[in-house]
Amino acid sequence: MSQQNQVNQMVEEAIKAFGKIDILVNNSALQTNCGIFEYDETSYDRIMNVNLKGYFLCIQAVIPYMKQQGGGRIINFLSVHGKRPTGF
């Protein structure tokens, strides 16, 4: 979910299979459940790429199709850790 070419390929395959995209449900997430001092920069980047960048790339990939067909819906699910973070 964090590489634009793969996201674009996924959307193109959906268009080929179904002819349009009515809805995008962003629900991918990565949580390593480490303490704050156990993360290194590579781990942090990986989590941000999946949890944030992946949503952005998917939205960016489907909007042109949704605009062309006159609409659609985008739903973004968030992690439970937004309300109940893991411990330090």
C-alpha atoms as a PDB file:
ATOM      1  CA  MET A   1       0.000   0.000   0.000  1.00  0.00           C
ATOM      2  CA  SER A   2       2.967   2.328   0.224  1.00  0.00           C
ATOM      3  CA  GLN A   3       4.194   2.156  -3.372  1.00  0.00           C
ATOM      4  CA  GLN A   4       2.374   4.222  -5.967  1.00  0.00           C
ATOM      5  CA  ASN A   5       2.935   1.814  -8.859  1.00  0.00           C
ATOM      6  CA  GLN A   6       1.367  -1.061  -6.894  1.00  0.00           C
ATOM      7  CA  VAL A   7      -1.595   1.045  -5.796  1.00  0.00           C
ATOM      8  CA  ASN A   8      -2.161   2.216  -9.370  1.00  0.00           C
ATOM      9  CA  GLN A   9      -2.006  -1.388 -10.581  1.00  0.00           C
ATOM     10  CA  MET A  10      -4.570  -2.432  -7.958  1.00  0.00           C
ATOM     11  CA  VAL A  11      -6.955   0.323  -9.061  1.00  0.00           C
ATOM     12  CA  GLU A  12      -6.489  -0.505 -12.742  1.00  0.00           C
ATOM     13  CA  GLU A  13      -7.251  -4.177 -12.048  1.00  0.00           C
ATOM     14  CA  ALA A  14     -10.409  -3.177 -10.173  1.00  0.00           C
ATOM     15  CA  ILE A  15     -11.504  -1.008 -13.105  1.00  0.00           C
ATOM     16  CA  LYS A  16     -10.873  -3.882 -15.531  1.00  0.00           C
ATOM     17  CA  ALA A  17     -12.812  -6.325 -13.348  1.00  0.00           C
ATOM     18  CA  PHE A  18     -15.770  -4.118 -12.392  1.00  0.00           C
ATOM     19  CA  GLY A  19     -15.782  -1.249 -14.899  1.00  0.00           C
ATOM     20  CA  LYS A  20     -15.825   1.452 -12.214  1.00  0.00           C
ATOM     21  CA  ILE A  21     -14.997   2.225  -8.607  1.00  0.00           C
ATOM     22  CA  ASP A  22     -17.931   3.253  -6.424  1.00  0.00           C
ATOM     23  CA  ILE A  23     -16.201   3.061  -3.063  1.00  0.00           C
ATOM     24  CA  LEU A  24     -12.725   3.031  -1.549  1.00  0.00           C
ATOM     25  CA  VAL A  25     -12.347   1.645   1.964  1.00  0.00           C
ATOM     26  CA  ASN A  26      -8.923   2.444   3.370  1.00  0.00           C
ATOM     27  CA  ASN A  27      -8.346  -0.069   6.143  1.00  0.00           C
ATOM     28  CA  SER A  28      -4.720  -1.140   5.998  1.00  0.00           C
ATOM     29  CA  ALA A  29      -2.533  -0.541   9.009  1.00  0.00           C
ATOM     30  CA  LEU A  30       0.748  -1.586  10.520  1.00  0.00           C
ATOM     31  CA  GLN A  31       1.350  -1.555  14.259  1.00  0.00           C
ATOM     32  CA  THR A  32       4.506  -3.069  15.680  1.00  0.00           C
ATOM     33  CA  ASN A  33       3.549  -2.567  19.360  1.00  0.00           C
ATOM     34  CA  CYS A  34       6.978  -1.390  20.405  1.00  0.00           C
ATOM     35  CA  GLY A  35       7.851   1.154  23.025  1.00  0.00           C
ATOM     36  CA  ILE A  36       8.728   4.617  21.749  1.00  0.00           C
ATOM     37  CA  PHE A  37      12.461   4.079  22.269  1.00  0.00           C
ATOM     38  CA  GLU A  38      12.450   0.720  20.485  1.00  0.00           C
ATOM     39  CA  TYR A  39      11.586   2.266  17.117  1.00  0.00           C
ATOM     40  CA  ASP A  40      14.314   3.247  14.743  1.00  0.00           C
ATOM     41  CA  GLU A  41      13.910   5.562  11.777  1.00  0.00           C
ATOM     42  CA  THR A  42      13.396   2.676   9.343  1.00  0.00           C
ATOM     43  CA  SER A  43      10.562   1.226  11.455  1.00  0.00           C
ATOM     44  CA  TYR A  44       8.958   4.636  11.801  1.00  0.00           C
ATOM     45  CA  ASP A  45       9.131   5.263   8.040  1.00  0.00           C
ATOM     46  CA  ARG A  46       7.610   1.858   7.306  1.00  0.00           C
ATOM     47  CA  ILE A  47       4.668   2.495   9.640  1.00  0.00           C
ATOM     48  CA  MET A  48       4.060   5.988   8.255  1.00  0.00           C
ATOM     49  CA  ASN A  49       4.284   4.723   4.677  1.00  0.00           C
ATOM     50  CA  VAL A  50       1.585   2.113   5.258  1.00  0.00           C
ATOM     51  CA  ASN A  51      -0.647   3.968   7.700  1.00  0.00           C
ATOM     52  CA  LEU A  52      -0.608   7.433   6.127  1.00  0.00           C
ATOM     53  CA  LYS A  53       1.002   7.401   2.718  1.00  0.00           C
ATOM     54  CA  GLY A  54      -0.932   4.296   1.671  1.00  0.00           C
ATOM     55  CA  TYR A  55      -4.260   6.011   2.342  1.00  0.00           C
ATOM     56  CA  PHE A  56      -3.140   9.082   0.421  1.00  0.00           C
ATOM     57  CA  LEU A  57      -1.956   7.042  -2.575  1.00  0.00           C
ATOM     58  CA  CYS A  58      -5.206   5.080  -2.735  1.00  0.00           C
ATOM     59  CA  ILE A  59      -7.305   8.243  -2.571  1.00  0.00           C
ATOM     60  CA  GLN A  60      -5.151   9.876  -5.220  1.00  0.00           C
ATOM     61  CA  ALA A  61      -5.506   6.840  -7.488  1.00  0.00           C
ATOM     62  CA  VAL A  62      -9.318   6.538  -7.329  1.00  0.00           C
ATOM     63  CA  ILE A  63     -10.395  10.183  -7.438  1.00  0.00           C
ATOM     64  CA  PRO A  64      -9.907  10.592 -11.213  1.00  0.00           C
ATOM     65  CA  TYR A  65     -12.178   7.589 -11.854  1.00  0.00           C
ATOM     66  CA  MET A  66     -14.760   8.784  -9.347  1.00  0.00           C
ATOM     67  CA  LYS A  67     -14.789  12.268 -10.855  1.00  0.00           C
ATOM     68  CA  GLN A  68     -15.175  10.815 -14.352  1.00  0.00           C
ATOM     69  CA  GLN A  69     -18.159   8.669 -13.329  1.00  0.00           C
ATOM     70  CA  GLY A  70     -19.818  11.456 -11.360  1.00  0.00           C
ATOM     71  CA  GLY A  71     -19.052  10.436  -7.787  1.00  0.00           C
ATOM     72  CA  GLY A  72     -18.112   7.795  -5.298  1.00  0.00           C
ATOM     73  CA  ARG A  73     -17.375   7.321  -1.615  1.00  0.00           C
ATOM     74  CA  ILE A  74     -14.136   7.158   0.346  1.00  0.00           C
ATOM     75  CA  ILE A  75     -14.066   5.703   3.869  1.00  0.00           C
ATOM     76  CA  ASN A  76     -10.935   5.894   6.000  1.00  0.00           C
ATOM     77  CA  PHE A  77     -10.743   3.662   9.067  1.00  0.00           C
ATOM     78  CA  LEU A  78      -8.366   4.642  11.840  1.00  0.00           C
ATOM     79  CA  SER A  79      -6.552   2.535  14.366  1.00  0.00           C
ATOM     80  CA  VAL A  80      -7.853   1.896  17.842  1.00  0.00           C
ATOM     81  CA  HIS A  81      -4.474   3.246  18.981  1.00  0.00           C
ATOM     82  CA  GLY A  82      -5.764   6.754  18.294  1.00  0.00           C
ATOM     83  CA  LYS A  83      -7.898   6.400  21.410  1.00  0.00           C
ATOM     84  CA  ARG A  84      -5.950   3.738  23.255  1.00  0.00           C
ATOM     85  CA  PRO A  85      -2.232   4.067  22.547  1.00  0.00           C
ATOM     86  CA  THR A  86       0.241   1.378  23.502  1.00  0.00           C
ATOM     87  CA  GLY A  87       2.386   1.919  26.569  1.00  0.00           C
ATOM     88  CA  PHE A  88       5.814   3.460  26.660  1.00  0.00           C
END
